[in-house]
C-alpha atoms as a PDB file:
ATOM      1  CA  MET A   1     224.079 103.203 135.456  1.00  0.00           C
ATOM      2  CA  GLU A   2     223.678 104.775 138.822  1.00  0.00           C
ATOM      3  CA  ILE A   3     220.554 104.580 140.523  1.00  0.00           C
ATOM      4  CA  THR A   4     220.224 108.523 141.725  1.00  0.00           C
ATOM      5  CA  GLU A   5     218.469 109.297 145.097  1.00  0.00           C
ATOM      6  CA  PRO A   6     215.077 110.241 143.568  1.00  0.00           C
ATOM      7  CA  GLU A   7     214.653 107.165 141.632  1.00  0.00           C
ATOM      8  CA  LYS A   8     215.508 105.267 144.442  1.00  0.00           C
ATOM      9  CA  ILE A   9     212.896 106.967 146.760  1.00  0.00           C
ATOM     10  CA  ILE A  10     210.273 106.453 143.398  1.00  0.00           C
ATOM     11  CA  LYS A  11     211.098 102.633 143.585  1.00  0.00           C
ATOM     12  CA  SER A  12     210.772 102.245 147.123  1.00  0.00           C
ATOM     13  CA  GLY A  13     207.393 103.581 147.610  1.00  0.00           C
ATOM     14  CA  GLN A  14     206.430 101.489 144.515  1.00  0.00           C
ATOM     15  CA  GLU A  15     207.762  98.622 145.974  1.00  0.00           C
ATOM     16  CA  GLN A  16     205.690  99.970 149.349  1.00  0.00           C
ATOM     17  CA  ALA A  17     202.447 100.401 147.625  1.00  0.00           C
ATOM     18  CA  VAL A  18     202.290  97.133 145.982  1.00  0.00           C
ATOM     19  CA  ALA A  19     203.477  95.415 148.924  1.00  0.00           C
ATOM     20  CA  SER A  20     200.088  97.238 150.997  1.00  0.00           C
ATOM     21  CA  TRP A  21     198.108  96.020 147.253  1.00  0.00           C
ATOM     22  CA  MET A  22     199.011  92.770 147.650  1.00  0.00           C
ATOM     23  CA  ASN A  23     198.590  92.510 151.969  1.00  0.00           C
ATOM     24  CA  TYR A  24     195.286  93.859 151.157  1.00  0.00           C
ATOM     25  CA  LEU A  25     194.124  91.540 148.408  1.00  0.00           C
ATOM     26  CA  ASN A  26     194.799  88.940 150.757  1.00  0.00           C
ATOM     27  CA  GLN A  27     192.990  90.104 153.386  1.00  0.00           C
ATOM     28  CA  VAL A  28     189.814  90.743 151.562  1.00  0.00           C
ATOM     29  CA  ARG A  29     190.632  86.489 150.308  1.00  0.00           C
ATOM     30  CA  LEU A  30     190.529  86.016 153.953  1.00  0.00           C
ATOM     31  CA  ASP A  31     187.564  88.024 154.873  1.00  0.00           C
ATOM     32  CA  ARG A  32     185.946  86.267 152.247  1.00  0.00           C
ATOM     33  CA  LEU A  33     186.783  82.865 152.980  1.00  0.00           C
ATOM     34  CA  ARG A  34     186.395  83.939 156.285  1.00  0.00           C
ATOM     35  CA  GLU A  35     182.106  84.880 155.781  1.00  0.00           C
ATOM     36  CA  THR A  36     182.058  81.559 153.057  1.00  0.00           C
ATOM     37  CA  LEU A  37     183.573  79.622 156.050  1.00  0.00           C
ATOM     38  CA  ARG A  38     180.695  80.990 158.099  1.00  0.00           C
ATOM     39  CA  LYS A  39     177.982  80.699 155.947  1.00  0.00           C
ATOM     40  CA  GLU A  40     178.366  77.508 155.283  1.00  0.00           C
ATOM     41  CA  GLU A  41     178.946  76.714 158.744  1.00  0.00           C
ATOM     42  CA  LEU A  42     175.331  77.832 159.439  1.00  0.00           C
ATOM     43  CA  ASN A  43     173.919  76.467 156.057  1.00  0.00           C
ATOM     44  CA  LEU A  44     175.737  72.591 157.676  1.00  0.00           C
ATOM     45  CA  ASN A  45     173.683  73.214 161.141  1.00  0.00           C
ATOM     46  CA  GLU A  46     170.288  73.979 159.290  1.00  0.00           C
ATOM     47  CA  VAL A  47     170.669  71.010 157.199  1.00  0.00           C
ATOM     48  CA  MET A  48     171.940  69.051 160.500  1.00  0.00           C
ATOM     49  CA  SER A  49     168.062  70.269 161.966  1.00  0.00           C
ATOM     50  CA  THR A  50     166.782  69.255 159.077  1.00  0.00           C
ATOM     51  CA  ILE A  51     168.171  65.517 159.179  1.00  0.00           C
ATOM     52  CA  SER A  52     167.214  65.513 163.002  1.00  0.00           C
ATOM     53  CA  GLU A  53     164.060  66.127 162.290  1.00  0.00           C
ATOM     54  CA  THR A  54     162.865  63.818 159.697  1.00  0.00           C
ATOM     55  CA  LEU A  55     164.412  61.292 161.819  1.00  0.00           C
ATOM     56  CA  LYS A  56     162.458  62.077 164.987  1.00  0.00           C
ATOM     57  CA  THR A  57     159.250  62.379 162.453  1.00  0.00           C
ATOM     58  CA  ILE A  58     159.818  58.863 160.833  1.00  0.00           C
ATOM     59  CA  SER A  59     160.421  57.755 164.606  1.00  0.00           C
ATOM     60  CA  ARG A  60     156.920  59.318 166.293  1.00  0.00           C
ATOM     61  CA  ASP A  61     154.556  59.202 163.076  1.00  0.00           C
ATOM     62  CA  ILE A  62     155.568  56.000 160.916  1.00  0.00           C
ATOM     63  CA  VAL A  63     157.010  53.403 162.810  1.00  0.00           C
ATOM     64  CA  ASN A  64     155.813  55.343 166.265  1.00  0.00           C
ATOM     65  CA  ASN A  65     156.645  52.426 168.508  1.00  0.00           C
ATOM     66  CA  GLY A  66     156.503  49.423 166.298  1.00  0.00           C
ATOM     67  CA  LYS A  67     152.931  50.243 165.300  1.00  0.00           C
ATOM     68  CA  GLY A  68     153.705  51.314 161.780  1.00  0.00           C
ATOM     69  CA  ARG A  69     151.882  53.637 159.657  1.00  0.00           C
ATOM     70  CA  GLY A  70     150.324  51.685 156.641  1.00  0.00           C
ATOM     71  CA  SER A  71     151.289  48.206 158.144  1.00  0.00           C
ATOM     72  CA  GLN A  72     154.517  46.878 157.314  1.00  0.00           C
ATOM     73  CA  TYR A  73     153.743  46.783 153.637  1.00  0.00           C
ATOM     74  CA  GLY A  74     153.128  50.423 153.104  1.00  0.00           C
ATOM     75  CA  MET A  75     155.314  51.985 156.135  1.00  0.00           C
ATOM     76  CA  HIS A  76     157.978  52.339 153.507  1.00  0.00           C
ATOM     77  CA  GLY A  77     156.354  54.373 150.954  1.00  0.00           C
ATOM     78  CA  PHE A  78     155.208  57.172 153.972  1.00  0.00           C
ATOM     79  CA  ILE A  79     159.322  56.940 154.936  1.00  0.00           C
ATOM     80  CA  ALA A  80     160.259  57.148 151.620  1.00  0.00           C
ATOM     81  CA  GLU A  81     157.580  60.457 151.513  1.00  0.00           C
ATOM     82  CA  ILE A  82     159.224  62.336 153.938  1.00  0.00           C
ATOM     83  CA  ALA A  83     162.755  61.036 153.451  1.00  0.00           C
ATOM     84  CA  GLU A  84     162.097  62.743 149.762  1.00  0.00           C
ATOM     85  CA  CYS A  85     160.971  66.254 151.137  1.00  0.00           C
ATOM     86  CA  ASP A  86     163.691  66.412 153.670  1.00  0.00           C
ATOM     87  CA  MET A  87     166.760  65.209 151.691  1.00  0.00           C
ATOM     88  CA  GLY A  88     165.886  67.574 148.822  1.00  0.00           C
ATOM     89  CA  ASN A  89     165.038  70.582 151.413  1.00  0.00           C
ATOM     90  CA  ALA A  90     168.126  69.839 152.767  1.00  0.00           C
ATOM     91  CA  ARG A  91     170.449  69.661 149.559  1.00  0.00           C
ATOM     92  CA  GLU A  92     168.701  72.901 148.566  1.00  0.00           C
ATOM     93  CA  GLN A  93     170.037  74.104 152.682  1.00  0.00           C
ATOM     94  CA  ILE A  94     173.112  73.263 151.888  1.00  0.00           C
ATOM     95  CA  GLU A  95     173.357  76.157 149.313  1.00  0.00           C
ATOM     96  CA  GLY A  96     172.235  78.523 151.688  1.00  0.00           C
ATOM     97  CA  LYS A  97     168.758  78.256 149.586  1.00  0.00           C
ATOM     98  CA  ALA A  98     165.240  78.190 150.953  1.00  0.00           C
ATOM     99  CA  PRO A  99     163.244  74.565 151.198  1.00  0.00           C
ATOM    100  CA  ILE A 100     161.566  73.694 148.192  1.00  0.00           C
ATOM    101  CA  TYR A 101     159.574  70.736 149.288  1.00  0.00           C
ATOM    102  CA  GLU A 102     156.461  70.345 151.213  1.00  0.00           C
ATOM    103  CA  TRP A 103     155.147  67.458 152.509  1.00  0.00           C
ATOM    104  CA  ILE A 104     151.217  67.264 152.324  1.00  0.00           C
ATOM    105  CA  ASN A 105     150.535  64.041 154.597  1.00  0.00           C
ATOM    106  CA  ASP A 106     147.024  63.943 153.873  1.00  0.00           C
ATOM    107  CA  ASN A 107     146.029  60.787 151.969  1.00  0.00           C
ATOM    108  CA  GLY A 108     145.312  63.384 149.121  1.00  0.00           C
ATOM    109  CA  PRO A 109     146.203  63.105 145.322  1.00  0.00           C
ATOM    110  CA  GLU A 110     149.635  64.438 145.882  1.00  0.00           C
ATOM    111  CA  ASP A 111     152.313  63.399 148.773  1.00  0.00           C
ATOM    112  CA  LEU A 112     154.294  66.010 148.162  1.00  0.00           C
ATOM    113  CA  ARG A 113     154.752  69.899 146.513  1.00  0.00           C
ATOM    114  CA  ARG A 114     158.182  70.995 145.069  1.00  0.00           C
ATOM    115  CA  GLY A 115     157.603  74.978 144.069  1.00  0.00           C
ATOM    116  CA  ALA A 116     154.141  74.460 142.046  1.00  0.00           C
ATOM    117  CA  THR A 117     154.959  70.762 141.010  1.00  0.00           C
ATOM    118  CA  LEU A 118     152.303  67.902 142.538  1.00  0.00           C
ATOM    119  CA  ILE A 119     154.023  65.016 143.372  1.00  0.00           C
ATOM    120  CA  GLN A 120     152.507  61.272 144.247  1.00  0.00           C
ATOM    121  CA  GLN A 121     155.224  58.616 144.914  1.00  0.00           C
ATOM    122  CA  LYS A 122     154.169  55.168 144.228  1.00  0.00           C
ATOM    123  CA  PHE A 123     156.972  52.475 145.372  1.00  0.00           C
ATOM    124  CA  VAL A 124     155.113  49.117 145.613  1.00  0.00           C
ATOM    125  CA  ASN A 125     156.885  45.820 144.666  1.00  0.00           C
ATOM    126  CA  SER A 126     154.404  43.306 144.609  1.00  0.00           C
ATOM    127  CA  GLY A 127     153.379  41.734 141.539  1.00  0.00           C
ATOM    128  CA  GLY A 128     156.100  42.849 139.362  1.00  0.00           C
ATOM    129  CA  TYR A 129     153.698  45.449 137.903  1.00  0.00           C
ATOM    130  CA  LEU A 130     156.736  47.912 138.539  1.00  0.00           C
ATOM    131  CA  SER A 131     154.591  50.208 140.553  1.00  0.00           C
ATOM    132  CA  LEU A 132     152.443  51.023 137.308  1.00  0.00           C
ATOM    133  CA  GLN A 133     149.465  48.535 138.662  1.00  0.00           C
ATOM    134  CA  SER A 134     149.419  51.719 141.634  1.00  0.00           C
ATOM    135  CA  ILE A 135     149.637  55.070 139.108  1.00  0.00           C
ATOM    136  CA  ARG A 136     146.640  53.519 137.296  1.00  0.00           C
ATOM    137  CA  MET A 137     144.717  53.101 140.763  1.00  0.00           C
ATOM    138  CA  HIS A 138     145.308  56.685 141.521  1.00  0.00           C
ATOM    139  CA  LEU A 139     144.273  58.124 138.626  1.00  0.00           C
ATOM    140  CA  LYS A 140     141.396  56.071 138.366  1.00  0.00           C
ATOM    141  CA  ASP A 141     140.707  57.946 141.545  1.00  0.00           C
ATOM    142  CA  TYR A 142     142.537  60.958 140.834  1.00  0.00           C
ATOM    143  CA  PRO A 143     142.304  61.333 136.798  1.00  0.00           C
ATOM    144  CA  ASP A 144     142.765  65.077 136.207  1.00  0.00           C
ATOM    145  CA  PHE A 145     146.445  64.978 138.366  1.00  0.00           C
ATOM    146  CA  PRO A 146     148.261  64.808 135.273  1.00  0.00           C
ATOM    147  CA  ASP A 147     146.501  67.885 133.875  1.00  0.00           C
ATOM    148  CA  LYS A 148     147.256  69.961 136.852  1.00  0.00           C
ATOM    149  CA  GLY A 149     150.772  69.544 136.921  1.00  0.00           C
ATOM    150  CA  GLY A 150     151.115  66.471 138.845  1.00  0.00           C
ATOM    151  CA  ILE A 151     154.124  63.828 138.247  1.00  0.00           C
ATOM    152  CA  TYR A 152     154.582  60.499 139.310  1.00  0.00           C
ATOM    153  CA  GLN A 153     157.510  59.215 141.068  1.00  0.00           C
ATOM    154  CA  ILE A 154     158.638  55.393 141.232  1.00  0.00           C
ATOM    155  CA  PRO A 155     161.928  53.665 142.397  1.00  0.00           C
ATOM    156  CA  GLU A 156     164.996  53.832 140.086  1.00  0.00           C
ATOM    157  CA  ASP A 157     165.191  50.503 139.676  1.00  0.00           C
ATOM    158  CA  HIS A 158     161.506  50.510 138.379  1.00  0.00           C
ATOM    159  CA  TYR A 159     161.588  52.976 135.821  1.00  0.00           C
ATOM    160  CA  GLU A 160     165.493  51.094 134.420  1.00  0.00           C
ATOM    161  CA  LYS A 161     163.772  48.075 133.575  1.00  0.00           C
ATOM    162  CA  ILE A 162     160.374  49.669 131.972  1.00  0.00           C
ATOM    163  CA  LYS A 163     163.294  51.729 129.862  1.00  0.00           C
ATOM    164  CA  TRP A 164     164.785  48.449 129.549  1.00  0.00           C
ATOM    165  CA  LEU A 165     161.070  47.076 127.718  1.00  0.00           C
ATOM    166  CA  LEU A 166     159.844  50.104 126.081  1.00  0.00           C
ATOM    167  CA  SER A 167     163.675  49.108 124.014  1.00  0.00           C
ATOM    168  CA  ILE A 168     162.254  45.428 123.543  1.00  0.00           C
ATOM    169  CA  SER A 169     160.017  44.819 120.295  1.00  0.00           C
ATOM    170  CA  GLU A 170     156.981  42.531 120.306  1.00  0.00           C
ATOM    171  CA  GLN A 171     158.555  39.899 118.436  1.00  0.00           C
ATOM    172  CA  GLU A 172     161.573  40.164 121.084  1.00  0.00           C
ATOM    173  CA  ALA A 173     158.908  40.296 123.685  1.00  0.00           C
ATOM    174  CA  ASN A 174     157.193  36.521 122.613  1.00  0.00           C
ATOM    175  CA  LYS A 175     160.714  34.937 123.482  1.00  0.00           C
ATOM    176  CA  MET A 176     160.339  35.900 126.341  1.00  0.00           C
ATOM    177  CA  SER A 177     159.524  33.572 129.424  1.00  0.00           C
ATOM    178  CA  THR A 178     155.971  33.957 130.919  1.00  0.00           C
ATOM    179  CA  SER A 179     156.695  32.829 134.894  1.00  0.00           C
ATOM    180  CA  ALA A 180     160.185  34.807 134.851  1.00  0.00           C
ATOM    181  CA  ASP A 181     159.589  37.820 137.784  1.00  0.00           C
ATOM    182  CA  ASP A 182     161.970  39.570 136.429  1.00  0.00           C
ATOM    183  CA  PHE A 183     161.634  40.992 132.686  1.00  0.00           C
ATOM    184  CA  SER A 184     158.764  38.944 131.745  1.00  0.00           C
ATOM    185  CA  LEU A 185     156.610  38.920 129.083  1.00  0.00           C
ATOM    186  CA  LYS A 186     153.968  39.261 131.303  1.00  0.00           C
ATOM    187  CA  GLN A 187     155.860  42.788 132.278  1.00  0.00           C
ATOM    188  CA  TRP A 188     156.244  44.005 128.978  1.00  0.00           C
ATOM    189  CA  ARG A 189     152.661  43.852 128.368  1.00  0.00           C
ATOM    190  CA  GLU A 190     152.052  45.117 131.485  1.00  0.00           C
ATOM    191  CA  VAL A 191     154.049  48.745 130.436  1.00  0.00           C
ATOM    192  CA  HIS A 192     153.123  48.224 126.366  1.00  0.00           C
ATOM    193  CA  ASN A 193     149.370  48.097 127.546  1.00  0.00           C
ATOM    194  CA  PHE A 194     149.806  50.752 130.661  1.00  0.00           C
ATOM    195  CA  LEU A 195     151.753  53.667 127.651  1.00  0.00           C
ATOM    196  CA  LYS A 196     148.637  53.181 125.041  1.00  0.00           C
ATOM    197  CA  VAL A 197     145.665  53.400 128.015  1.00  0.00           C
ATOM    198  CA  GLU A 198     146.991  55.771 130.885  1.00  0.00           C
ATOM    199  CA  ILE A 199     149.567  57.700 128.942  1.00  0.00           C
ATOM    200  CA  PHE A 200     148.932  58.993 125.124  1.00  0.00           C
ATOM    201  CA  ARG A 201     145.152  59.841 126.188  1.00  0.00           C
ATOM    202  CA  TRP A 202     146.723  63.121 127.760  1.00  0.00           C
ATOM    203  CA  ILE A 203     149.136  63.906 124.539  1.00  0.00           C
ATOM    204  CA  LYS A 204     147.111  66.332 122.807  1.00  0.00           C
END
């Protein structure tokens, strides 16, 4: 069946309309991609600036030409504070969000704030107490810290050891070494006593 001239004109017009619409959609996609890349570049620049300032602060205010704030035993704690703060903010900035962490830096009850959450970091390896003894000492000075919404942060390896020790029954624990540094009976008692004395008093 032969296509008439009007039908050819209509078909050609339809094809041109479809082609124009496809070109428009492609242009919209390209414009959106350019805008996304532009925003990501701005976000990345903010992140790099945050990281650069973090390194400067660590060098100037904490390491301090080898003098070391907090001495050789406490310096790592201050570095952890500012690193947690600024790396947390960098994660927000890479997504185009506003920073949410604030480094308090006043030797008060909290080291950081994340929005309304107060954070005290305890990264202490000495004595094999898995940072719990330091938390206990902090609670002695600031007993209402948890009631105000405060939380404690400890190293991940300490947290994993604590979870493991909590999974061990008293009968199994009594078979553990009394002298080994890792997973010893002493650590098992430390973890369980800490929870009984310090944690249960907040549970209403």
